[in-house]
Amino acid sequence: MAYSDRELLARLVQCEAGGEGDDGMRAVASVVMNRVNAPGGEYARIGQGSIRNIIFQPGQFTCVQETVRGAYNPQNIYNMRPEQIHYDIADWAIAGNRLTNLGQALWFFNPYSPKCRPNFPSSVGRFVVRIGDHCFYDPTEDYFET
């Protein structure tokens, strides 16, 4: 489908963090835009400044996958119906806004536990903050060697 960058980001925000409140959704949008604007490493090479390239990078967001572990994934961006709040958050992030306590976070995940691990996905990310059910991670110097 030929969705605009705004539409893609609004759908991803709804899908990945729709139940996490405004700050949770802003944090996810911030991660996407931090990847778009990454000054080096994997996301700078693959993303090349493109929201679309970042969102559709293989293996990054479960919500982009139509199947997960061989089964249909009903919660994917193609099934989302964003509301005004999702568009507002997408616009906010595209305009250059970020949550101040998030740093330059490039990753987030839901650990399904009360604690966030100190590094993610390995030594390339360092825990910075938990917002709702998601843990957020800033890049380390090791990330820029990826």
C-alpha atoms as a PDB file:
ATOM      1  CA  MET A   1       0.000   0.000   0.000  1.00  0.00           C
ATOM      2  CA  ALA A   2       1.229   3.500  -0.740  1.00  0.00           C
ATOM      3  CA  TYR A   3       0.808   5.136   2.659  1.00  0.00           C
ATOM      4  CA  SER A   4       2.444   8.498   3.346  1.00  0.00           C
ATOM      5  CA  ASP A   5       5.197   8.695   5.972  1.00  0.00           C
ATOM      6  CA  ARG A   6       2.724  10.381   8.321  1.00  0.00           C
ATOM      7  CA  GLU A   7       0.190   7.587   7.844  1.00  0.00           C
ATOM      8  CA  LEU A   8       2.825   4.883   8.376  1.00  0.00           C
ATOM      9  CA  LEU A   9       4.102   6.495  11.564  1.00  0.00           C
ATOM     10  CA  ALA A  10       0.569   7.034  12.935  1.00  0.00           C
ATOM     11  CA  ARG A  11      -0.280   3.381  12.249  1.00  0.00           C
ATOM     12  CA  LEU A  12       2.952   2.143  13.814  1.00  0.00           C
ATOM     13  CA  VAL A  13       2.428   4.311  16.905  1.00  0.00           C
ATOM     14  CA  GLN A  14      -1.110   2.978  17.325  1.00  0.00           C
ATOM     15  CA  CYS A  15      -0.032  -0.616  16.793  1.00  0.00           C
ATOM     16  CA  GLU A  16       3.139  -0.611  18.922  1.00  0.00           C
ATOM     17  CA  ALA A  17       1.999   1.666  21.759  1.00  0.00           C
ATOM     18  CA  GLY A  18      -1.719   2.393  21.468  1.00  0.00           C
ATOM     19  CA  GLY A  19      -2.336   1.240  25.035  1.00  0.00           C
ATOM     20  CA  GLU A  20       0.666   3.047  26.540  1.00  0.00           C
ATOM     21  CA  GLY A  21      -0.806   6.537  26.898  1.00  0.00           C
ATOM     22  CA  ASP A  22       0.375   9.727  25.218  1.00  0.00           C
ATOM     23  CA  ASP A  23       3.951   9.553  26.550  1.00  0.00           C
ATOM     24  CA  GLY A  24       4.278   5.891  25.560  1.00  0.00           C
ATOM     25  CA  MET A  25       3.128   6.682  22.036  1.00  0.00           C
ATOM     26  CA  ARG A  26       5.395   9.742  21.857  1.00  0.00           C
ATOM     27  CA  ALA A  27       8.319   7.603  23.009  1.00  0.00           C
ATOM     28  CA  VAL A  28       7.765   5.062  20.215  1.00  0.00           C
ATOM     29  CA  ALA A  29       7.460   7.853  17.633  1.00  0.00           C
ATOM     30  CA  SER A  30      10.666   9.368  19.050  1.00  0.00           C
ATOM     31  CA  VAL A  31      12.543   6.082  18.606  1.00  0.00           C
ATOM     32  CA  VAL A  32      11.468   5.877  14.968  1.00  0.00           C
ATOM     33  CA  MET A  33      12.568   9.451  14.305  1.00  0.00           C
ATOM     34  CA  ASN A  34      15.823   8.956  16.250  1.00  0.00           C
ATOM     35  CA  ARG A  35      16.546   6.075  13.877  1.00  0.00           C
ATOM     36  CA  VAL A  36      15.653   8.210  10.849  1.00  0.00           C
ATOM     37  CA  ASN A  37      18.105  10.866  12.042  1.00  0.00           C
ATOM     38  CA  ALA A  38      20.806   8.535  13.429  1.00  0.00           C
ATOM     39  CA  PRO A  39      24.234  10.057  12.753  1.00  0.00           C
ATOM     40  CA  GLY A  40      25.860   6.674  12.158  1.00  0.00           C
ATOM     41  CA  GLY A  41      25.591   2.917  12.510  1.00  0.00           C
ATOM     42  CA  GLU A  42      23.065   0.520  11.034  1.00  0.00           C
ATOM     43  CA  TYR A  43      20.092   2.887  11.023  1.00  0.00           C
ATOM     44  CA  ALA A  44      21.973   5.647   9.189  1.00  0.00           C
ATOM     45  CA  ARG A  45      23.053   3.160   6.499  1.00  0.00           C
ATOM     46  CA  ILE A  46      19.714   1.401   6.107  1.00  0.00           C
ATOM     47  CA  GLY A  47      17.349   4.270   6.875  1.00  0.00           C
ATOM     48  CA  GLN A  48      19.101   6.917   4.810  1.00  0.00           C
ATOM     49  CA  GLY A  49      16.865   9.527   6.441  1.00  0.00           C
ATOM     50  CA  SER A  50      13.641   7.732   5.379  1.00  0.00           C
ATOM     51  CA  ILE A  51      10.759   6.977   7.753  1.00  0.00           C
ATOM     52  CA  ARG A  52       9.585   4.285   5.334  1.00  0.00           C
ATOM     53  CA  ASN A  53      12.999   2.555   5.269  1.00  0.00           C
ATOM     54  CA  ILE A  54      13.171   2.559   9.073  1.00  0.00           C
ATOM     55  CA  ILE A  55       9.641   1.226   9.574  1.00  0.00           C
ATOM     56  CA  PHE A  56      10.035  -1.513   6.966  1.00  0.00           C
ATOM     57  CA  GLN A  57      13.550  -2.598   7.946  1.00  0.00           C
ATOM     58  CA  PRO A  58      13.212  -6.380   8.330  1.00  0.00           C
ATOM     59  CA  GLY A  59      12.938  -7.710  11.867  1.00  0.00           C
ATOM     60  CA  GLN A  60      12.453  -4.369  13.618  1.00  0.00           C
ATOM     61  CA  PHE A  61       8.750  -3.946  14.402  1.00  0.00           C
ATOM     62  CA  THR A  62       6.328  -6.819  14.998  1.00  0.00           C
ATOM     63  CA  CYS A  63       3.498  -4.576  13.813  1.00  0.00           C
ATOM     64  CA  VAL A  64       4.934  -4.509  10.280  1.00  0.00           C
ATOM     65  CA  GLN A  65       4.852  -8.295  10.016  1.00  0.00           C
ATOM     66  CA  GLU A  66       1.716  -9.872   8.621  1.00  0.00           C
ATOM     67  CA  THR A  67       2.791 -13.241  10.039  1.00  0.00           C
ATOM     68  CA  VAL A  68       4.633 -14.001  13.274  1.00  0.00           C
ATOM     69  CA  ARG A  69       6.065 -17.475  13.887  1.00  0.00           C
ATOM     70  CA  GLY A  70       4.096 -18.789  10.918  1.00  0.00           C
ATOM     71  CA  ALA A  71       0.713 -17.488  12.093  1.00  0.00           C
ATOM     72  CA  TYR A  72      -1.262 -14.496  10.849  1.00  0.00           C
ATOM     73  CA  ASN A  73      -0.598 -11.363  12.910  1.00  0.00           C
ATOM     74  CA  PRO A  74      -3.940  -9.522  13.175  1.00  0.00           C
ATOM     75  CA  GLN A  75      -2.283  -6.594  14.956  1.00  0.00           C
ATOM     76  CA  ASN A  76      -0.321  -5.165  12.062  1.00  0.00           C
ATOM     77  CA  ILE A  77      -0.118  -1.681  10.580  1.00  0.00           C
ATOM     78  CA  TYR A  78      -2.363  -2.647   7.676  1.00  0.00           C
ATOM     79  CA  ASN A  79      -5.244  -3.368  10.067  1.00  0.00           C
ATOM     80  CA  MET A  80      -4.831  -0.207  12.152  1.00  0.00           C
ATOM     81  CA  ARG A  81      -7.321   2.633  11.950  1.00  0.00           C
ATOM     82  CA  PRO A  82      -5.464   5.586  13.468  1.00  0.00           C
ATOM     83  CA  GLU A  83      -7.373   8.229  15.372  1.00  0.00           C
ATOM     84  CA  GLN A  84      -6.513  11.923  15.567  1.00  0.00           C
ATOM     85  CA  ILE A  85      -4.191  11.414  18.562  1.00  0.00           C
ATOM     86  CA  HIS A  86      -2.008   9.044  16.503  1.00  0.00           C
ATOM     87  CA  TYR A  87      -1.737  11.574  13.678  1.00  0.00           C
ATOM     88  CA  ASP A  88      -1.018  14.351  16.182  1.00  0.00           C
ATOM     89  CA  ILE A  89       1.827  12.327  17.694  1.00  0.00           C
ATOM     90  CA  ALA A  90       3.205  11.453  14.253  1.00  0.00           C
ATOM     91  CA  ASP A  91       3.117  15.158  13.315  1.00  0.00           C
ATOM     92  CA  TRP A  92       4.772  16.063  16.632  1.00  0.00           C
ATOM     93  CA  ALA A  93       7.648  13.619  16.051  1.00  0.00           C
ATOM     94  CA  ILE A  94       8.108  14.451  12.358  1.00  0.00           C
ATOM     95  CA  ALA A  95       8.362  18.142  13.372  1.00  0.00           C
ATOM     96  CA  GLY A  96      11.447  17.274  15.428  1.00  0.00           C
ATOM     97  CA  ASN A  97       9.971  16.943  18.904  1.00  0.00           C
ATOM     98  CA  ARG A  98      11.207  14.251  21.319  1.00  0.00           C
ATOM     99  CA  LEU A  99      10.502  13.276  24.911  1.00  0.00           C
ATOM    100  CA  THR A 100      13.281  14.864  26.964  1.00  0.00           C
ATOM    101  CA  ASN A 101      13.804  11.878  29.294  1.00  0.00           C
ATOM    102  CA  LEU A 102      14.250   9.513  26.346  1.00  0.00           C
ATOM    103  CA  GLY A 103      17.686  10.672  25.215  1.00  0.00           C
ATOM    104  CA  GLN A 104      18.599   9.350  21.777  1.00  0.00           C
ATOM    105  CA  ALA A 105      16.876   5.992  22.297  1.00  0.00           C
ATOM    106  CA  LEU A 106      16.997   3.720  19.247  1.00  0.00           C
ATOM    107  CA  TRP A 107      15.290   0.665  20.750  1.00  0.00           C
ATOM    108  CA  PHE A 108      12.313  -0.253  22.895  1.00  0.00           C
ATOM    109  CA  PHE A 109      10.751  -3.503  23.952  1.00  0.00           C
ATOM    110  CA  ASN A 110       8.232  -4.893  26.398  1.00  0.00           C
ATOM    111  CA  PRO A 111      10.053  -7.271  28.776  1.00  0.00           C
ATOM    112  CA  TYR A 112       6.785  -8.657  30.213  1.00  0.00           C
ATOM    113  CA  SER A 113       8.370  -8.246  33.645  1.00  0.00           C
ATOM    114  CA  PRO A 114       8.729  -5.407  36.137  1.00  0.00           C
ATOM    115  CA  LYS A 115      12.449  -4.961  35.398  1.00  0.00           C
ATOM    116  CA  CYS A 116      14.251  -3.739  32.289  1.00  0.00           C
ATOM    117  CA  ARG A 117      17.527  -5.398  31.444  1.00  0.00           C
ATOM    118  CA  PRO A 118      20.556  -3.077  31.464  1.00  0.00           C
ATOM    119  CA  ASN A 119      21.475  -3.625  27.794  1.00  0.00           C
ATOM    120  CA  PHE A 120      19.489  -4.180  24.595  1.00  0.00           C
ATOM    121  CA  PRO A 121      19.715  -5.706  22.091  1.00  0.00           C
ATOM    122  CA  SER A 122      23.268  -6.428  23.243  1.00  0.00           C
ATOM    123  CA  SER A 123      26.082  -4.105  24.214  1.00  0.00           C
ATOM    124  CA  VAL A 124      24.937  -1.597  21.579  1.00  0.00           C
ATOM    125  CA  GLY A 125      22.093  -0.234  23.708  1.00  0.00           C
ATOM    126  CA  ARG A 126      22.033   0.966  27.338  1.00  0.00           C
ATOM    127  CA  PHE A 127      18.830   1.272  29.407  1.00  0.00           C
ATOM    128  CA  VAL A 128      17.644   4.859  29.772  1.00  0.00           C
ATOM    129  CA  VAL A 129      13.994   4.858  30.921  1.00  0.00           C
ATOM    130  CA  ARG A 130      10.853   2.791  31.270  1.00  0.00           C
ATOM    131  CA  ILE A 131       7.607   4.290  30.027  1.00  0.00           C
ATOM    132  CA  GLY A 132       4.532   2.169  30.633  1.00  0.00           C
ATOM    133  CA  ASP A 133       5.317  -1.416  29.682  1.00  0.00           C
ATOM    134  CA  HIS A 134       8.236  -0.510  27.396  1.00  0.00           C
ATOM    135  CA  CYS A 135      11.940  -0.194  28.188  1.00  0.00           C
ATOM    136  CA  PHE A 136      13.944   2.295  26.100  1.00  0.00           C
ATOM    137  CA  TYR A 137      17.635   2.128  25.219  1.00  0.00           C
ATOM    138  CA  ASP A 138      20.189   4.711  24.082  1.00  0.00           C
ATOM    139  CA  PRO A 139      22.999   3.706  21.728  1.00  0.00           C
ATOM    140  CA  THR A 140      26.475   3.056  23.127  1.00  0.00           C
ATOM    141  CA  GLU A 141      29.711   3.651  21.228  1.00  0.00           C
ATOM    142  CA  ASP A 142      29.511  -0.023  20.138  1.00  0.00           C
ATOM    143  CA  TYR A 143      26.350   0.783  18.143  1.00  0.00           C
ATOM    144  CA  PHE A 144      28.263   3.100  15.834  1.00  0.00           C
ATOM    145  CA  GLU A 145      30.465   0.152  14.815  1.00  0.00           C
ATOM    146  CA  THR A 146      27.451  -1.796  13.527  1.00  0.00           C
END
